[in-house]
Amino acid sequence: MAHISERTGKYSELIARAALLANGWTVHTSETDESYDILATDPVNGEHVKIQVKTVRRRSDRERNDGTADLVVYARKGNGTAYDRADADYVVGVWAENGEVPRVFMFENRMLSEYWCSEARAAERWIELPIALDRTLFDEVSIAA
């Protein structure tokens, strides 16, 4: 049986793919293991980008007065170093609280080993990708083509 961290990682990757697809991105599948988790095509400019998917966690050492803790995305490779530009252009963090609909955040890889912010500011600092499918987005794209 797979370890819980492997299951959580695979779940986060599937949710990230769904969010990208729901927001008009084309998601590619690789037949080989790569340094990135997802290769996707930006719906606005047509560029291919490499995406590293990580699970968003609460950072217990950054608890606020209101009892909430900051959110953190640990963006380290297996050897403990941060991802560089050759590894990933963007990081997608999936925040999945028990029993809640997951939230997906995307931000540029700034080659840091961790990214954090308050829960209240997450949607301001990071781009939130809804996982709900908006079919009108695709109608507009097909009309423009």
C-alpha atoms as a PDB file:
ATOM      1  CA  MET A   1       0.000   0.000   0.000  1.00  0.00           C
ATOM      2  CA  ALA A   2       1.239   3.472  -0.883  1.00  0.00           C
ATOM      3  CA  HIS A   3       2.428   5.761   1.909  1.00  0.00           C
ATOM      4  CA  ILE A   4       0.043   8.616   2.874  1.00  0.00           C
ATOM      5  CA  SER A   5       2.490  11.269   1.588  1.00  0.00           C
ATOM      6  CA  GLU A   6       2.582   9.559  -1.823  1.00  0.00           C
ATOM      7  CA  ARG A   7      -1.217   9.404  -1.940  1.00  0.00           C
ATOM      8  CA  THR A   8      -1.490  13.049  -0.901  1.00  0.00           C
ATOM      9  CA  GLY A   9       1.028  14.054  -3.567  1.00  0.00           C
ATOM     10  CA  LYS A  10      -0.795  12.142  -6.308  1.00  0.00           C
ATOM     11  CA  TYR A  11      -4.112  13.630  -5.166  1.00  0.00           C
ATOM     12  CA  SER A  12      -2.624  17.150  -5.268  1.00  0.00           C
ATOM     13  CA  GLU A  13      -1.282  16.548  -8.766  1.00  0.00           C
ATOM     14  CA  LEU A  14      -4.659  15.324 -10.059  1.00  0.00           C
ATOM     15  CA  ILE A  15      -6.458  18.303  -8.507  1.00  0.00           C
ATOM     16  CA  ALA A  16      -3.855  20.682 -10.002  1.00  0.00           C
ATOM     17  CA  ARG A  17      -4.393  19.152 -13.454  1.00  0.00           C
ATOM     18  CA  ALA A  18      -8.176  19.524 -13.087  1.00  0.00           C
ATOM     19  CA  ALA A  19      -7.819  23.179 -12.036  1.00  0.00           C
ATOM     20  CA  LEU A  20      -5.508  23.947 -14.964  1.00  0.00           C
ATOM     21  CA  LEU A  21      -7.919  22.269 -17.408  1.00  0.00           C
ATOM     22  CA  ALA A  22     -10.904  24.112 -15.905  1.00  0.00           C
ATOM     23  CA  ASN A  23      -9.071  27.397 -16.491  1.00  0.00           C
ATOM     24  CA  GLY A  24      -8.283  26.789 -20.153  1.00  0.00           C
ATOM     25  CA  TRP A  25      -4.781  25.346 -19.912  1.00  0.00           C
ATOM     26  CA  THR A  26      -3.766  22.401 -22.087  1.00  0.00           C
ATOM     27  CA  VAL A  27      -2.145  19.765 -19.887  1.00  0.00           C
ATOM     28  CA  HIS A  28       0.398  17.371 -21.388  1.00  0.00           C
ATOM     29  CA  THR A  29       1.369  13.896 -20.214  1.00  0.00           C
ATOM     30  CA  SER A  30       4.961  12.669 -20.298  1.00  0.00           C
ATOM     31  CA  GLU A  31       5.904   9.060 -20.887  1.00  0.00           C
ATOM     32  CA  THR A  32       9.088   9.536 -18.857  1.00  0.00           C
ATOM     33  CA  ASP A  33       9.785  10.920 -15.375  1.00  0.00           C
ATOM     34  CA  GLU A  34      10.762  14.577 -15.518  1.00  0.00           C
ATOM     35  CA  SER A  35      11.968  17.143 -12.988  1.00  0.00           C
ATOM     36  CA  TYR A  36       8.569  18.865 -13.229  1.00  0.00           C
ATOM     37  CA  ASP A  37       5.158  17.367 -12.467  1.00  0.00           C
ATOM     38  CA  ILE A  38       3.127  18.969 -15.265  1.00  0.00           C
ATOM     39  CA  LEU A  39       3.903  20.444 -18.665  1.00  0.00           C
ATOM     40  CA  ALA A  40       1.090  22.778 -19.688  1.00  0.00           C
ATOM     41  CA  THR A  41       0.269  25.313 -22.378  1.00  0.00           C
ATOM     42  CA  ASP A  42      -0.805  28.786 -21.239  1.00  0.00           C
ATOM     43  CA  PRO A  43      -4.221  29.624 -22.772  1.00  0.00           C
ATOM     44  CA  VAL A  44      -3.339  33.312 -23.163  1.00  0.00           C
ATOM     45  CA  ASN A  45       0.074  33.285 -24.853  1.00  0.00           C
ATOM     46  CA  GLY A  46       0.453  29.658 -25.983  1.00  0.00           C
ATOM     47  CA  GLU A  47       3.732  29.186 -24.103  1.00  0.00           C
ATOM     48  CA  HIS A  48       4.641  25.793 -22.661  1.00  0.00           C
ATOM     49  CA  VAL A  49       5.505  25.953 -18.973  1.00  0.00           C
ATOM     50  CA  LYS A  50       6.859  23.449 -16.449  1.00  0.00           C
ATOM     51  CA  ILE A  51       4.902  23.189 -13.217  1.00  0.00           C
ATOM     52  CA  GLN A  52       5.887  21.664  -9.896  1.00  0.00           C
ATOM     53  CA  VAL A  53       2.909  20.620  -7.736  1.00  0.00           C
ATOM     54  CA  LYS A  54       3.089  20.779  -3.964  1.00  0.00           C
ATOM     55  CA  THR A  55       0.630  20.359  -1.114  1.00  0.00           C
ATOM     56  CA  VAL A  56      -0.182  23.490   0.908  1.00  0.00           C
ATOM     57  CA  ARG A  57       0.195  22.997   4.648  1.00  0.00           C
ATOM     58  CA  ARG A  58      -0.489  25.060   7.744  1.00  0.00           C
ATOM     59  CA  ARG A  59       2.678  26.350   9.365  1.00  0.00           C
ATOM     60  CA  SER A  60       2.254  25.735  13.077  1.00  0.00           C
ATOM     61  CA  ASP A  61       5.149  28.021  14.057  1.00  0.00           C
ATOM     62  CA  ARG A  62       3.393  31.006  12.438  1.00  0.00           C
ATOM     63  CA  GLU A  63       0.148  31.089  14.379  1.00  0.00           C
ATOM     64  CA  ARG A  64      -1.713  34.387  14.397  1.00  0.00           C
ATOM     65  CA  ASN A  65      -3.704  36.098  17.149  1.00  0.00           C
ATOM     66  CA  ASP A  66      -6.971  34.848  15.631  1.00  0.00           C
ATOM     67  CA  GLY A  67      -5.808  31.226  16.005  1.00  0.00           C
ATOM     68  CA  THR A  68      -5.114  30.614  12.309  1.00  0.00           C
ATOM     69  CA  ALA A  69      -1.679  29.612  11.098  1.00  0.00           C
ATOM     70  CA  ASP A  70       0.057  30.777   7.925  1.00  0.00           C
ATOM     71  CA  LEU A  71      -0.070  28.588   4.854  1.00  0.00           C
ATOM     72  CA  VAL A  72       3.191  27.239   3.500  1.00  0.00           C
ATOM     73  CA  VAL A  73       4.300  25.476   0.343  1.00  0.00           C
ATOM     74  CA  TYR A  74       7.566  23.607   0.780  1.00  0.00           C
ATOM     75  CA  ALA A  75       9.232  23.697  -2.632  1.00  0.00           C
ATOM     76  CA  ARG A  76      12.276  21.490  -2.248  1.00  0.00           C
ATOM     77  CA  LYS A  77      13.678  18.761  -4.421  1.00  0.00           C
ATOM     78  CA  GLY A  78      14.531  15.358  -2.987  1.00  0.00           C
ATOM     79  CA  ASN A  79      18.020  16.633  -2.121  1.00  0.00           C
ATOM     80  CA  GLY A  80      16.591  19.547  -0.084  1.00  0.00           C
ATOM     81  CA  THR A  81      17.443  22.339  -2.540  1.00  0.00           C
ATOM     82  CA  ALA A  82      14.959  24.753  -4.103  1.00  0.00           C
ATOM     83  CA  TYR A  83      13.694  24.200  -7.638  1.00  0.00           C
ATOM     84  CA  ASP A  84      15.542  26.317 -10.191  1.00  0.00           C
ATOM     85  CA  ARG A  85      14.156  27.596 -13.508  1.00  0.00           C
ATOM     86  CA  ALA A  86      15.313  24.478 -15.356  1.00  0.00           C
ATOM     87  CA  ASP A  87      13.098  22.429 -13.023  1.00  0.00           C
ATOM     88  CA  ALA A  88       9.909  24.519 -13.023  1.00  0.00           C
ATOM     89  CA  ASP A  89       8.539  27.851 -14.215  1.00  0.00           C
ATOM     90  CA  TYR A  90       5.604  27.786 -11.796  1.00  0.00           C
ATOM     91  CA  VAL A  91       4.601  26.157  -8.544  1.00  0.00           C
ATOM     92  CA  VAL A  92       1.027  25.028  -7.970  1.00  0.00           C
ATOM     93  CA  GLY A  93      -0.019  24.503  -4.377  1.00  0.00           C
ATOM     94  CA  VAL A  94      -3.061  22.423  -3.533  1.00  0.00           C
ATOM     95  CA  TRP A  95      -4.688  23.103  -0.180  1.00  0.00           C
ATOM     96  CA  ALA A  96      -6.914  20.204   0.819  1.00  0.00           C
ATOM     97  CA  GLU A  97      -8.360  20.361   4.317  1.00  0.00           C
ATOM     98  CA  ASN A  98     -10.121  17.199   5.474  1.00  0.00           C
ATOM     99  CA  GLY A  99     -13.622  17.046   3.996  1.00  0.00           C
ATOM    100  CA  GLU A 100     -13.329  20.406   2.202  1.00  0.00           C
ATOM    101  CA  VAL A 101     -13.259  21.196  -1.512  1.00  0.00           C
ATOM    102  CA  PRO A 102      -9.574  21.747  -2.347  1.00  0.00           C
ATOM    103  CA  ARG A 103      -8.242  25.178  -3.272  1.00  0.00           C
ATOM    104  CA  VAL A 104      -5.529  25.536  -5.903  1.00  0.00           C
ATOM    105  CA  PHE A 105      -2.974  28.359  -6.003  1.00  0.00           C
ATOM    106  CA  MET A 106      -0.405  29.075  -8.715  1.00  0.00           C
ATOM    107  CA  PHE A 107       2.636  31.317  -8.502  1.00  0.00           C
ATOM    108  CA  GLU A 108       5.922  31.916 -10.265  1.00  0.00           C
ATOM    109  CA  ASN A 109       8.909  29.847  -9.188  1.00  0.00           C
ATOM    110  CA  ARG A 110      11.155  32.393  -7.468  1.00  0.00           C
ATOM    111  CA  MET A 111      13.635  29.628  -6.582  1.00  0.00           C
ATOM    112  CA  LEU A 112      12.743  29.695  -2.876  1.00  0.00           C
ATOM    113  CA  SER A 113      12.568  26.568  -0.756  1.00  0.00           C
ATOM    114  CA  GLU A 114       9.294  27.694   0.827  1.00  0.00           C
ATOM    115  CA  TYR A 115       6.494  30.120   0.051  1.00  0.00           C
ATOM    116  CA  TRP A 116       4.107  31.280   2.742  1.00  0.00           C
ATOM    117  CA  CYS A 117       1.308  33.717   3.441  1.00  0.00           C
ATOM    118  CA  SER A 118      -1.677  34.143   5.710  1.00  0.00           C
ATOM    119  CA  GLU A 119      -4.858  32.298   4.859  1.00  0.00           C
ATOM    120  CA  ALA A 120      -6.642  35.646   4.473  1.00  0.00           C
ATOM    121  CA  ARG A 121      -4.105  36.879   1.902  1.00  0.00           C
ATOM    122  CA  ALA A 122      -3.595  33.633  -0.059  1.00  0.00           C
ATOM    123  CA  ALA A 123      -5.967  34.641  -2.873  1.00  0.00           C
ATOM    124  CA  GLU A 124      -4.235  38.062  -3.058  1.00  0.00           C
ATOM    125  CA  ARG A 125      -0.604  36.878  -3.095  1.00  0.00           C
ATOM    126  CA  TRP A 126      -1.121  33.766  -5.192  1.00  0.00           C
ATOM    127  CA  ILE A 127      -3.349  33.226  -8.230  1.00  0.00           C
ATOM    128  CA  GLU A 128      -6.252  31.020  -7.203  1.00  0.00           C
ATOM    129  CA  LEU A 129      -7.381  28.585  -9.880  1.00  0.00           C
ATOM    130  CA  PRO A 130     -10.971  27.456  -9.350  1.00  0.00           C
ATOM    131  CA  ILE A 131     -11.597  23.782 -10.007  1.00  0.00           C
ATOM    132  CA  ALA A 132     -15.156  24.418 -11.194  1.00  0.00           C
ATOM    133  CA  LEU A 133     -15.500  24.133 -14.963  1.00  0.00           C
ATOM    134  CA  ASP A 134     -16.688  27.353 -16.636  1.00  0.00           C
ATOM    135  CA  ARG A 135     -17.833  26.321 -20.117  1.00  0.00           C
ATOM    136  CA  THR A 136     -18.205  29.957 -21.231  1.00  0.00           C
ATOM    137  CA  LEU A 137     -14.418  30.274 -21.034  1.00  0.00           C
ATOM    138  CA  PHE A 138     -14.122  27.678 -23.778  1.00  0.00           C
ATOM    139  CA  ASP A 139     -16.919  29.211 -25.846  1.00  0.00           C
ATOM    140  CA  GLU A 140     -15.035  32.523 -25.864  1.00  0.00           C
ATOM    141  CA  VAL A 141     -11.798  30.794 -26.915  1.00  0.00           C
ATOM    142  CA  SER A 142     -13.475  28.939 -29.793  1.00  0.00           C
ATOM    143  CA  ILE A 143     -15.238  32.115 -30.963  1.00  0.00           C
ATOM    144  CA  ALA A 144     -11.919  34.019 -30.984  1.00  0.00           C
ATOM    145  CA  ALA A 145     -10.232  31.293 -33.056  1.00  0.00           C
END
